[in-house]
Amino acid sequence: MSNQLPDQWQERTLSTEPIFQGKVITLQVDTIALPDGKTATREIVRHPGAAAVLALLDDRMLVVEQYRKPMDKFQIEIPAGKLDAGEDPIVCAARELEEETGYKAESLKPISAFYTSPGFADEKLYLYLAEGLTSGQVNPDEDEYLRVDAITLEQALAYIEEERISDAKTIMAVYAWRLYKLTGEL
């Protein structure tokens, strides 16, 4: 059995209508040709990508707590941020770790890269493990209000149950950390 779907099942773009261009995302509506010859529309969010960091300090994970307006609640998350144009994701990961937590990493190791919501967005997130941390100065973006903490794996798992941690990147990082603690590998 082939692992690849037939090429004729691909959706071909017939036209693109720009809807919105913001600082972080753009929104477009594409008219596409379906494999059966019919047409349909796809609402697509374009995002430059992001990097996130599972930063371990003395068997604790560095997290930031901040208010997330789309959900209208506070969230505990791993440090993360948007890629600048043409930026290497590992450079973004190091920058975001330092800006949000004040820590620098001796080493950053790739864990995974994944699309956050492929049904409507092209955002790809790169997840790194940061080790050998040294403290420095917190320097968040001017519109970021963060509280930095270092939590145990048990706390992280409890926060997932309580939905204080409910974003995919942080949940993935917590489970990667648990695997790392059990096996020594990611």
N, C-alpha and C. Protein backbone atom coordinates (compact mmCIF):
# COMPACT_ATOMS: atom_id res chain seq x y z
N MET A 1 0.84 -1.18 0.00
CA MET A 1 0.00 0.00 0.00
C MET A 1 0.88 1.24 0.00
N SER A 2 0.57 2.18 -0.85
CA SER A 2 1.34 3.40 -0.96
C SER A 2 1.04 4.33 0.21
N ASN A 3 2.07 5.02 0.68
CA ASN A 3 1.89 5.99 1.75
C ASN A 3 1.46 7.34 1.21
N GLN A 4 1.46 7.49 -0.10
CA GLN A 4 1.16 8.76 -0.75
C GLN A 4 -0.23 8.68 -1.41
N LEU A 5 -1.02 9.72 -1.19
CA LEU A 5 -2.31 9.79 -1.88
C LEU A 5 -2.07 10.17 -3.34
N PRO A 6 -2.96 9.79 -4.22
CA PRO A 6 -2.77 10.13 -5.64
C PRO A 6 -2.73 11.64 -5.86
N ASP A 7 -1.88 12.07 -6.80
CA ASP A 7 -1.75 13.50 -7.12
C ASP A 7 -3.07 14.13 -7.49
N GLN A 8 -3.95 13.38 -8.14
CA GLN A 8 -5.22 13.97 -8.57
C GLN A 8 -6.14 14.33 -7.39
N TRP A 9 -5.78 13.94 -6.17
CA TRP A 9 -6.56 14.31 -5.00
C TRP A 9 -6.15 15.67 -4.44
N GLN A 10 -5.10 16.26 -5.01
CA GLN A 10 -4.66 17.57 -4.55
C GLN A 10 -5.69 18.63 -4.91
N GLU A 11 -5.76 19.65 -4.08
CA GLU A 11 -6.63 20.79 -4.36
C GLU A 11 -5.81 21.86 -5.07
N ARG A 12 -6.27 22.28 -6.22
CA ARG A 12 -5.57 23.27 -7.03
C ARG A 12 -6.19 24.64 -6.81
N THR A 13 -5.35 25.64 -6.55
CA THR A 13 -5.82 27.00 -6.31
C THR A 13 -6.20 27.66 -7.63
N LEU A 14 -7.43 28.16 -7.69
CA LEU A 14 -7.90 28.88 -8.87
C LEU A 14 -7.74 30.38 -8.69
N SER A 15 -7.99 30.87 -7.48
CA SER A 15 -7.82 32.30 -7.19
C SER A 15 -7.65 32.50 -5.70
N THR A 16 -7.03 33.63 -5.36
CA THR A 16 -6.80 34.00 -3.96
C THR A 16 -7.30 35.42 -3.75
N GLU A 17 -8.13 35.59 -2.71
CA GLU A 17 -8.62 36.91 -2.35
C GLU A 17 -8.05 37.31 -0.99
N PRO A 18 -7.15 38.32 -0.96
CA PRO A 18 -6.65 38.79 0.34
C PRO A 18 -7.79 39.44 1.13
N ILE A 19 -7.89 39.12 2.41
CA ILE A 19 -8.95 39.65 3.27
C ILE A 19 -8.39 40.61 4.31
N PHE A 20 -7.28 40.22 4.93
CA PHE A 20 -6.73 40.98 6.05
C PHE A 20 -5.22 40.81 6.10
N GLN A 21 -4.50 41.88 6.40
CA GLN A 21 -3.06 41.82 6.62
C GLN A 21 -2.76 42.50 7.94
N GLY A 22 -2.30 41.72 8.92
CA GLY A 22 -1.97 42.27 10.23
C GLY A 22 -0.49 42.18 10.53
N LYS A 23 -0.12 42.47 11.78
CA LYS A 23 1.27 42.39 12.20
C LYS A 23 1.77 40.95 12.28
N VAL A 24 0.88 40.03 12.64
CA VAL A 24 1.28 38.65 12.87
C VAL A 24 0.75 37.71 11.80
N ILE A 25 -0.48 37.93 11.35
CA ILE A 25 -1.10 37.00 10.41
C ILE A 25 -1.67 37.75 9.21
N THR A 26 -1.94 36.97 8.16
CA THR A 26 -2.76 37.45 7.05
C THR A 26 -3.85 36.42 6.86
N LEU A 27 -4.96 36.86 6.31
CA LEU A 27 -6.09 35.98 6.03
C LEU A 27 -6.42 36.11 4.56
N GLN A 28 -6.62 34.98 3.91
CA GLN A 28 -7.00 34.96 2.51
C GLN A 28 -8.08 33.91 2.31
N VAL A 29 -8.86 34.09 1.25
CA VAL A 29 -9.84 33.08 0.86
C VAL A 29 -9.44 32.60 -0.53
N ASP A 30 -9.15 31.31 -0.61
CA ASP A 30 -8.78 30.70 -1.88
C ASP A 30 -9.98 29.96 -2.46
N THR A 31 -10.19 30.12 -3.75
CA THR A 31 -11.12 29.28 -4.48
C THR A 31 -10.28 28.16 -5.07
N ILE A 32 -10.72 26.93 -4.81
CA ILE A 32 -9.91 25.77 -5.23
C ILE A 32 -10.75 24.82 -6.09
N ALA A 33 -10.04 24.05 -6.89
CA ALA A 33 -10.66 22.98 -7.68
C ALA A 33 -10.50 21.69 -6.88
N LEU A 34 -11.63 21.02 -6.63
CA LEU A 34 -11.61 19.75 -5.92
C LEU A 34 -11.27 18.62 -6.90
N PRO A 35 -10.88 17.47 -6.39
CA PRO A 35 -10.53 16.35 -7.27
C PRO A 35 -11.65 15.93 -8.22
N ASP A 36 -12.93 16.17 -7.82
CA ASP A 36 -14.05 15.77 -8.68
C ASP A 36 -14.44 16.85 -9.69
N GLY A 37 -13.65 17.95 -9.72
CA GLY A 37 -13.91 19.02 -10.68
C GLY A 37 -14.75 20.15 -10.13
N LYS A 38 -15.40 19.96 -9.00
CA LYS A 38 -16.18 21.04 -8.38
C LYS A 38 -15.24 22.05 -7.75
N THR A 39 -15.78 23.21 -7.38
CA THR A 39 -14.97 24.22 -6.71
C THR A 39 -15.45 24.39 -5.27
N ALA A 40 -14.57 24.91 -4.46
CA ALA A 40 -14.88 25.18 -3.06
C ALA A 40 -13.99 26.34 -2.62
N THR A 41 -14.22 26.84 -1.41
CA THR A 41 -13.36 27.91 -0.87
C THR A 41 -12.67 27.40 0.38
N ARG A 42 -11.50 27.96 0.61
CA ARG A 42 -10.72 27.66 1.81
C ARG A 42 -10.28 28.97 2.43
N GLU A 43 -10.62 29.17 3.70
CA GLU A 43 -10.15 30.33 4.46
C GLU A 43 -8.81 29.95 5.05
N ILE A 44 -7.77 30.71 4.73
CA ILE A 44 -6.41 30.34 5.11
C ILE A 44 -5.74 31.48 5.88
N VAL A 45 -5.23 31.13 7.05
CA VAL A 45 -4.44 32.06 7.84
C VAL A 45 -2.97 31.78 7.53
N ARG A 46 -2.25 32.82 7.11
CA ARG A 46 -0.82 32.73 6.85
C ARG A 46 -0.08 33.29 8.05
N HIS A 47 0.91 32.54 8.53
CA HIS A 47 1.67 32.91 9.72
C HIS A 47 3.13 32.61 9.43
N PRO A 48 4.05 33.46 9.89
CA PRO A 48 5.47 33.25 9.56
C PRO A 48 6.14 32.08 10.28
N GLY A 49 5.44 31.45 11.21
CA GLY A 49 6.03 30.36 11.99
C GLY A 49 6.48 30.86 13.34
N ALA A 50 6.84 29.92 14.21
CA ALA A 50 7.20 30.26 15.58
C ALA A 50 8.18 29.22 16.12
N ALA A 51 8.81 29.58 17.23
CA ALA A 51 9.69 28.65 17.94
C ALA A 51 9.30 28.67 19.41
N ALA A 52 9.45 27.52 20.04
CA ALA A 52 9.11 27.37 21.45
C ALA A 52 10.21 26.57 22.14
N VAL A 53 10.30 26.73 23.47
CA VAL A 53 11.42 26.16 24.20
C VAL A 53 10.96 25.41 25.45
N LEU A 54 11.35 24.15 25.52
CA LEU A 54 11.24 23.37 26.75
C LEU A 54 12.55 23.62 27.48
N ALA A 55 12.53 24.54 28.43
CA ALA A 55 13.74 24.95 29.15
C ALA A 55 13.74 24.30 30.52
N LEU A 56 14.77 23.49 30.78
CA LEU A 56 14.85 22.75 32.04
C LEU A 56 15.92 23.36 32.93
N LEU A 57 15.52 23.63 34.17
CA LEU A 57 16.39 24.23 35.17
C LEU A 57 16.20 23.46 36.47
N ASP A 58 17.23 22.72 36.87
CA ASP A 58 17.15 21.95 38.13
C ASP A 58 15.90 21.10 38.20
N ASP A 59 15.65 20.32 37.16
CA ASP A 59 14.50 19.41 37.07
C ASP A 59 13.16 20.14 37.18
N ARG A 60 13.15 21.37 36.72
CA ARG A 60 11.92 22.15 36.62
C ARG A 60 11.85 22.75 35.23
N MET A 61 10.66 22.98 34.76
CA MET A 61 10.44 23.57 33.45
C MET A 61 10.10 25.04 33.61
N LEU A 62 10.81 25.89 32.85
CA LEU A 62 10.50 27.32 32.88
C LEU A 62 9.22 27.56 32.08
N VAL A 63 8.31 28.33 32.67
CA VAL A 63 7.06 28.69 32.01
C VAL A 63 6.78 30.17 32.25
N VAL A 64 5.91 30.68 31.43
CA VAL A 64 5.41 32.04 31.61
C VAL A 64 3.89 31.97 31.71
N GLU A 65 3.35 32.81 32.55
CA GLU A 65 1.89 32.91 32.65
C GLU A 65 1.50 34.28 32.12
N GLN A 66 0.53 34.28 31.22
CA GLN A 66 0.07 35.54 30.65
C GLN A 66 -1.40 35.41 30.25
N TYR A 67 -2.02 36.56 30.10
CA TYR A 67 -3.42 36.60 29.69
C TYR A 67 -3.49 36.40 28.18
N ARG A 68 -4.37 35.51 27.74
CA ARG A 68 -4.57 35.22 26.32
C ARG A 68 -5.97 35.67 25.92
N LYS A 69 -6.04 36.78 25.23
CA LYS A 69 -7.32 37.40 24.88
C LYS A 69 -8.23 36.49 24.05
N PRO A 70 -7.73 35.75 23.05
CA PRO A 70 -8.66 34.90 22.29
C PRO A 70 -9.44 33.91 23.16
N MET A 71 -8.85 33.50 24.28
CA MET A 71 -9.53 32.57 25.20
C MET A 71 -10.09 33.28 26.42
N ASP A 72 -9.76 34.57 26.57
CA ASP A 72 -10.17 35.36 27.74
C ASP A 72 -9.82 34.69 29.06
N LYS A 73 -8.56 34.22 29.15
CA LYS A 73 -8.11 33.64 30.41
C LYS A 73 -6.59 33.63 30.46
N PHE A 74 -6.06 33.46 31.68
CA PHE A 74 -4.63 33.32 31.86
C PHE A 74 -4.22 31.92 31.45
N GLN A 75 -3.03 31.81 30.89
CA GLN A 75 -2.48 30.53 30.46
C GLN A 75 -1.05 30.41 30.95
N ILE A 76 -0.66 29.20 31.28
CA ILE A 76 0.74 28.89 31.59
C ILE A 76 1.28 28.20 30.35
N GLU A 77 2.38 28.75 29.82
CA GLU A 77 2.94 28.25 28.56
C GLU A 77 4.46 28.22 28.64
N ILE A 78 5.06 27.45 27.76
CA ILE A 78 6.50 27.52 27.61
C ILE A 78 6.85 28.78 26.83
N PRO A 79 8.07 29.29 26.97
CA PRO A 79 8.47 30.46 26.20
C PRO A 79 8.39 30.17 24.70
N ALA A 80 7.86 31.14 23.95
CA ALA A 80 7.68 30.96 22.51
C ALA A 80 7.46 32.30 21.85
N GLY A 81 7.67 32.32 20.56
CA GLY A 81 7.40 33.54 19.83
C GLY A 81 7.51 33.36 18.34
N LYS A 82 7.07 34.38 17.64
CA LYS A 82 6.99 34.41 16.18
C LYS A 82 8.37 34.57 15.57
N LEU A 83 8.58 33.86 14.47
CA LEU A 83 9.81 34.03 13.69
C LEU A 83 9.79 35.38 12.99
N ASP A 84 10.92 36.06 13.00
CA ASP A 84 11.08 37.26 12.17
C ASP A 84 11.34 36.79 10.74
N ALA A 85 11.14 37.65 9.77
CA ALA A 85 11.32 37.30 8.36
C ALA A 85 12.72 36.74 8.13
N GLY A 86 12.78 35.53 7.59
CA GLY A 86 14.05 34.89 7.26
C GLY A 86 14.84 34.37 8.45
N GLU A 87 14.28 34.42 9.63
CA GLU A 87 15.00 34.03 10.84
C GLU A 87 15.07 32.52 10.99
N ASP A 88 16.21 32.03 11.41
CA ASP A 88 16.40 30.62 11.73
C ASP A 88 15.60 30.33 13.01
N PRO A 89 14.82 29.26 13.04
CA PRO A 89 14.00 28.97 14.23
C PRO A 89 14.82 28.81 15.52
N ILE A 90 16.03 28.29 15.44
CA ILE A 90 16.83 28.13 16.66
C ILE A 90 17.26 29.48 17.22
N VAL A 91 17.48 30.46 16.35
CA VAL A 91 17.80 31.82 16.79
C VAL A 91 16.58 32.43 17.47
N CYS A 92 15.41 32.21 16.90
CA CYS A 92 14.16 32.70 17.50
C CYS A 92 13.95 32.07 18.87
N ALA A 93 14.19 30.76 18.97
CA ALA A 93 14.01 30.06 20.25
C ALA A 93 14.91 30.66 21.32
N ALA A 94 16.18 30.89 20.99
CA ALA A 94 17.11 31.47 21.96
C ALA A 94 16.68 32.87 22.36
N ARG A 95 16.24 33.67 21.38
CA ARG A 95 15.80 35.04 21.66
C ARG A 95 14.58 35.05 22.57
N GLU A 96 13.58 34.23 22.24
CA GLU A 96 12.35 34.20 23.04
C GLU A 96 12.60 33.70 24.46
N LEU A 97 13.46 32.70 24.60
CA LEU A 97 13.78 32.20 25.94
C LEU A 97 14.37 33.33 26.79
N GLU A 98 15.31 34.06 26.22
CA GLU A 98 15.95 35.15 26.97
C GLU A 98 14.99 36.31 27.23
N GLU A 99 14.23 36.73 26.21
CA GLU A 99 13.30 37.85 26.38
C GLU A 99 12.25 37.56 27.44
N GLU A 100 11.69 36.34 27.40
CA GLU A 100 10.55 36.04 28.26
C GLU A 100 10.93 35.57 29.65
N THR A 101 12.09 34.91 29.78
CA THR A 101 12.46 34.35 31.09
C THR A 101 13.73 34.94 31.67
N GLY A 102 14.55 35.58 30.84
CA GLY A 102 15.83 36.09 31.29
C GLY A 102 16.95 35.06 31.25
N TYR A 103 16.65 33.84 30.83
CA TYR A 103 17.66 32.79 30.79
C TYR A 103 18.24 32.60 29.40
N LYS A 104 19.54 32.25 29.37
CA LYS A 104 20.22 31.86 28.14
C LYS A 104 20.53 30.38 28.24
N ALA A 105 20.50 29.69 27.10
CA ALA A 105 20.77 28.25 27.07
C ALA A 105 22.17 27.98 26.54
N GLU A 106 22.86 27.05 27.20
CA GLU A 106 24.15 26.57 26.70
C GLU A 106 23.94 25.77 25.43
N SER A 107 22.82 25.01 25.40
CA SER A 107 22.52 24.22 24.20
C SER A 107 21.02 24.22 23.92
N LEU A 108 20.68 24.21 22.64
CA LEU A 108 19.30 24.06 22.17
C LEU A 108 19.28 22.87 21.22
N LYS A 109 18.41 21.92 21.52
CA LYS A 109 18.32 20.69 20.73
C LYS A 109 16.92 20.58 20.16
N PRO A 110 16.79 20.35 18.84
CA PRO A 110 15.44 20.22 18.26
C PRO A 110 14.70 19.01 18.83
N ILE A 111 13.46 19.22 19.18
CA ILE A 111 12.58 18.12 19.62
C ILE A 111 11.67 17.72 18.47
N SER A 112 11.00 18.72 17.88
CA SER A 112 10.03 18.44 16.82
C SER A 112 9.66 19.75 16.13
N ALA A 113 9.06 19.61 14.97
CA ALA A 113 8.44 20.75 14.28
C ALA A 113 7.09 20.26 13.81
N PHE A 114 6.06 21.11 13.97
CA PHE A 114 4.71 20.66 13.62
C PHE A 114 3.85 21.85 13.24
N TYR A 115 2.81 21.56 12.46
CA TYR A 115 1.83 22.58 12.09
C TYR A 115 0.79 22.66 13.18
N THR A 116 0.47 23.88 13.60
CA THR A 116 -0.41 24.05 14.76
C THR A 116 -1.88 23.80 14.44
N SER A 117 -2.35 24.19 13.28
CA SER A 117 -3.76 24.03 12.90
C SER A 117 -3.86 23.90 11.38
N PRO A 118 -3.43 22.75 10.81
CA PRO A 118 -3.34 22.63 9.36
C PRO A 118 -4.66 22.70 8.60
N GLY A 119 -5.77 22.67 9.30
CA GLY A 119 -7.06 22.79 8.63
C GLY A 119 -7.34 24.19 8.11
N PHE A 120 -6.66 25.20 8.70
CA PHE A 120 -6.90 26.57 8.26
C PHE A 120 -5.68 27.48 8.33
N ALA A 121 -4.56 27.00 8.87
CA ALA A 121 -3.39 27.87 9.03
C ALA A 121 -2.11 27.14 8.60
N ASP A 122 -1.13 27.93 8.14
CA ASP A 122 0.15 27.34 7.74
C ASP A 122 1.25 27.54 8.79
N GLU A 123 0.88 27.95 10.02
CA GLU A 123 1.89 28.17 11.06
C GLU A 123 2.61 26.87 11.39
N LYS A 124 3.94 26.91 11.29
CA LYS A 124 4.78 25.78 11.69
C LYS A 124 5.53 26.20 12.93
N LEU A 125 5.49 25.36 13.96
CA LEU A 125 6.14 25.66 15.22
C LEU A 125 7.30 24.70 15.43
N TYR A 126 8.44 25.25 15.81
CA TYR A 126 9.66 24.49 16.05
C TYR A 126 9.87 24.42 17.56
N LEU A 127 9.97 23.21 18.10
CA LEU A 127 10.11 23.01 19.54
C LEU A 127 11.52 22.54 19.85
N TYR A 128 12.16 23.21 20.82
CA TYR A 128 13.54 22.91 21.21
C TYR A 128 13.63 22.59 22.68
N LEU A 129 14.63 21.77 23.03
CA LEU A 129 15.01 21.52 24.42
C LEU A 129 16.18 22.44 24.74
N ALA A 130 16.07 23.21 25.81
CA ALA A 130 17.15 24.10 26.25
C ALA A 130 17.71 23.56 27.56
N GLU A 131 19.03 23.40 27.57
CA GLU A 131 19.70 22.94 28.79
C GLU A 131 20.91 23.82 29.05
N GLY A 132 21.47 23.71 30.25
CA GLY A 132 22.61 24.51 30.63
C GLY A 132 22.23 25.98 30.73
N LEU A 133 21.21 26.26 31.51
CA LEU A 133 20.67 27.62 31.58
C LEU A 133 21.46 28.50 32.53
N THR A 134 21.65 29.75 32.13
CA THR A 134 22.22 30.77 32.99
C THR A 134 21.27 31.96 33.01
N SER A 135 21.14 32.57 34.17
CA SER A 135 20.15 33.64 34.31
C SER A 135 20.68 34.96 33.80
N GLY A 136 19.75 35.78 33.37
CA GLY A 136 20.05 37.11 32.87
C GLY A 136 18.90 38.05 33.18
N GLN A 137 18.57 38.91 32.23
CA GLN A 137 17.55 39.92 32.41
C GLN A 137 16.31 39.61 31.57
N VAL A 138 15.13 39.60 32.18
CA VAL A 138 13.87 39.46 31.45
C VAL A 138 13.64 40.72 30.63
N ASN A 139 13.23 40.57 29.38
CA ASN A 139 13.01 41.72 28.51
C ASN A 139 11.86 41.42 27.55
N PRO A 140 10.63 41.29 28.06
CA PRO A 140 9.50 40.95 27.18
C PRO A 140 9.19 42.09 26.20
N ASP A 141 8.45 41.74 25.15
CA ASP A 141 7.96 42.75 24.21
C ASP A 141 7.14 43.78 24.99
N GLU A 142 7.02 44.99 24.45
CA GLU A 142 6.35 46.07 25.19
C GLU A 142 4.88 45.78 25.48
N ASP A 143 4.25 44.88 24.71
CA ASP A 143 2.85 44.56 24.96
C ASP A 143 2.67 43.21 25.66
N GLU A 144 3.75 42.65 26.21
CA GLU A 144 3.69 41.38 26.92
C GLU A 144 3.80 41.62 28.43
N TYR A 145 2.88 41.03 29.17
CA TYR A 145 2.91 41.08 30.62
C TYR A 145 2.96 39.64 31.10
N LEU A 146 4.13 39.23 31.59
CA LEU A 146 4.39 37.83 31.91
C LEU A 146 4.80 37.65 33.35
N ARG A 147 4.47 36.49 33.87
CA ARG A 147 5.00 36.05 35.16
C ARG A 147 5.78 34.77 34.89
N VAL A 148 7.05 34.75 35.25
CA VAL A 148 7.92 33.60 35.00
C VAL A 148 7.88 32.68 36.22
N ASP A 149 7.87 31.37 35.96
CA ASP A 149 7.88 30.39 37.04
C ASP A 149 8.69 29.18 36.56
N ALA A 150 9.07 28.34 37.50
CA ALA A 150 9.73 27.08 37.21
C ALA A 150 8.93 26.01 37.92
N ILE A 151 8.36 25.07 37.15
CA ILE A 151 7.42 24.10 37.72
C ILE A 151 7.95 22.68 37.54
N THR A 152 7.49 21.80 38.44
CA THR A 152 7.85 20.39 38.35
C THR A 152 6.99 19.70 37.31
N LEU A 153 7.40 18.50 36.93
CA LEU A 153 6.59 17.71 36.00
C LEU A 153 5.21 17.43 36.59
N GLU A 154 5.16 17.14 37.88
CA GLU A 154 3.88 16.86 38.53
C GLU A 154 2.97 18.08 38.47
N GLN A 155 3.53 19.27 38.71
CA GLN A 155 2.73 20.49 38.59
C GLN A 155 2.23 20.67 37.16
N ALA A 156 3.11 20.46 36.20
CA ALA A 156 2.72 20.62 34.79
C ALA A 156 1.58 19.69 34.42
N LEU A 157 1.65 18.45 34.84
CA LEU A 157 0.58 17.50 34.54
C LEU A 157 -0.73 17.91 35.23
N ALA A 158 -0.63 18.40 36.46
CA ALA A 158 -1.83 18.89 37.15
C ALA A 158 -2.40 20.12 36.44
N TYR A 159 -1.55 21.01 35.96
CA TYR A 159 -2.01 22.20 35.24
C TYR A 159 -2.71 21.82 33.94
N ILE A 160 -2.26 20.75 33.31
CA ILE A 160 -2.95 20.27 32.10
C ILE A 160 -4.36 19.81 32.48
N GLU A 161 -4.47 19.05 33.55
CA GLU A 161 -5.78 18.58 34.02
C GLU A 161 -6.70 19.74 34.37
N GLU A 162 -6.14 20.79 34.96
CA GLU A 162 -6.92 21.97 35.36
C GLU A 162 -7.16 22.95 34.21
N GLU A 163 -6.56 22.67 33.05
CA GLU A 163 -6.62 23.53 31.86
C GLU A 163 -5.94 24.88 32.08
N ARG A 164 -5.04 24.95 33.05
CA ARG A 164 -4.19 26.14 33.17
C ARG A 164 -3.11 26.09 32.10
N ILE A 165 -2.76 24.86 31.69
CA ILE A 165 -1.97 24.60 30.49
C ILE A 165 -2.92 23.93 29.52
N SER A 166 -3.20 24.61 28.41
CA SER A 166 -4.14 24.00 27.45
C SER A 166 -3.75 24.26 26.00
N ASP A 167 -2.56 24.81 25.77
CA ASP A 167 -2.11 25.00 24.39
C ASP A 167 -1.28 23.80 23.96
N ALA A 168 -1.35 23.48 22.67
CA ALA A 168 -0.72 22.27 22.14
C ALA A 168 0.79 22.25 22.33
N LYS A 169 1.47 23.39 22.12
CA LYS A 169 2.93 23.39 22.21
C LYS A 169 3.40 23.06 23.62
N THR A 170 2.70 23.59 24.63
CA THR A 170 3.12 23.35 26.00
C THR A 170 2.77 21.93 26.42
N ILE A 171 1.61 21.45 26.03
CA ILE A 171 1.24 20.06 26.33
C ILE A 171 2.24 19.11 25.69
N MET A 172 2.61 19.37 24.43
CA MET A 172 3.59 18.53 23.75
C MET A 172 4.93 18.58 24.48
N ALA A 173 5.34 19.76 24.94
CA ALA A 173 6.60 19.90 25.67
C ALA A 173 6.56 19.11 26.98
N VAL A 174 5.45 19.17 27.69
CA VAL A 174 5.33 18.44 28.96
C VAL A 174 5.45 16.94 28.71
N TYR A 175 4.79 16.43 27.69
CA TYR A 175 4.87 15.00 27.41
C TYR A 175 6.26 14.60 26.90
N ALA A 176 6.91 15.48 26.15
CA ALA A 176 8.29 15.22 25.72
C ALA A 176 9.21 15.18 26.94
N TRP A 177 8.99 16.09 27.90
CA TRP A 177 9.77 16.12 29.13
C TRP A 177 9.57 14.83 29.92
N ARG A 178 8.33 14.38 30.02
CA ARG A 178 8.07 13.14 30.75
C ARG A 178 8.80 11.97 30.09
N LEU A 179 8.76 11.90 28.77
CA LEU A 179 9.47 10.86 28.03
C LEU A 179 10.98 10.97 28.28
N TYR A 180 11.49 12.18 28.25
CA TYR A 180 12.91 12.44 28.49
C TYR A 180 13.33 11.96 29.88
N LYS A 181 12.49 12.23 30.88
CA LYS A 181 12.79 11.79 32.24
C LYS A 181 12.78 10.27 32.36
N LEU A 182 11.89 9.61 31.61
CA LEU A 182 11.77 8.16 31.67
C LEU A 182 12.86 7.43 30.90
N THR A 183 13.25 7.99 29.75
CA THR A 183 14.15 7.27 28.85
C THR A 183 15.50 7.94 28.63
N GLY A 184 15.60 9.23 28.97
CA GLY A 184 16.81 9.97 28.68
C GLY A 184 16.92 10.42 27.24
N GLU A 185 15.87 10.16 26.46
CA GLU A 185 15.84 10.54 25.04
C GLU A 185 14.56 11.27 24.71
N LEU A 186 14.65 12.08 23.66
CA LEU A 186 13.46 12.78 23.15
C LEU A 186 13.03 12.15 21.85
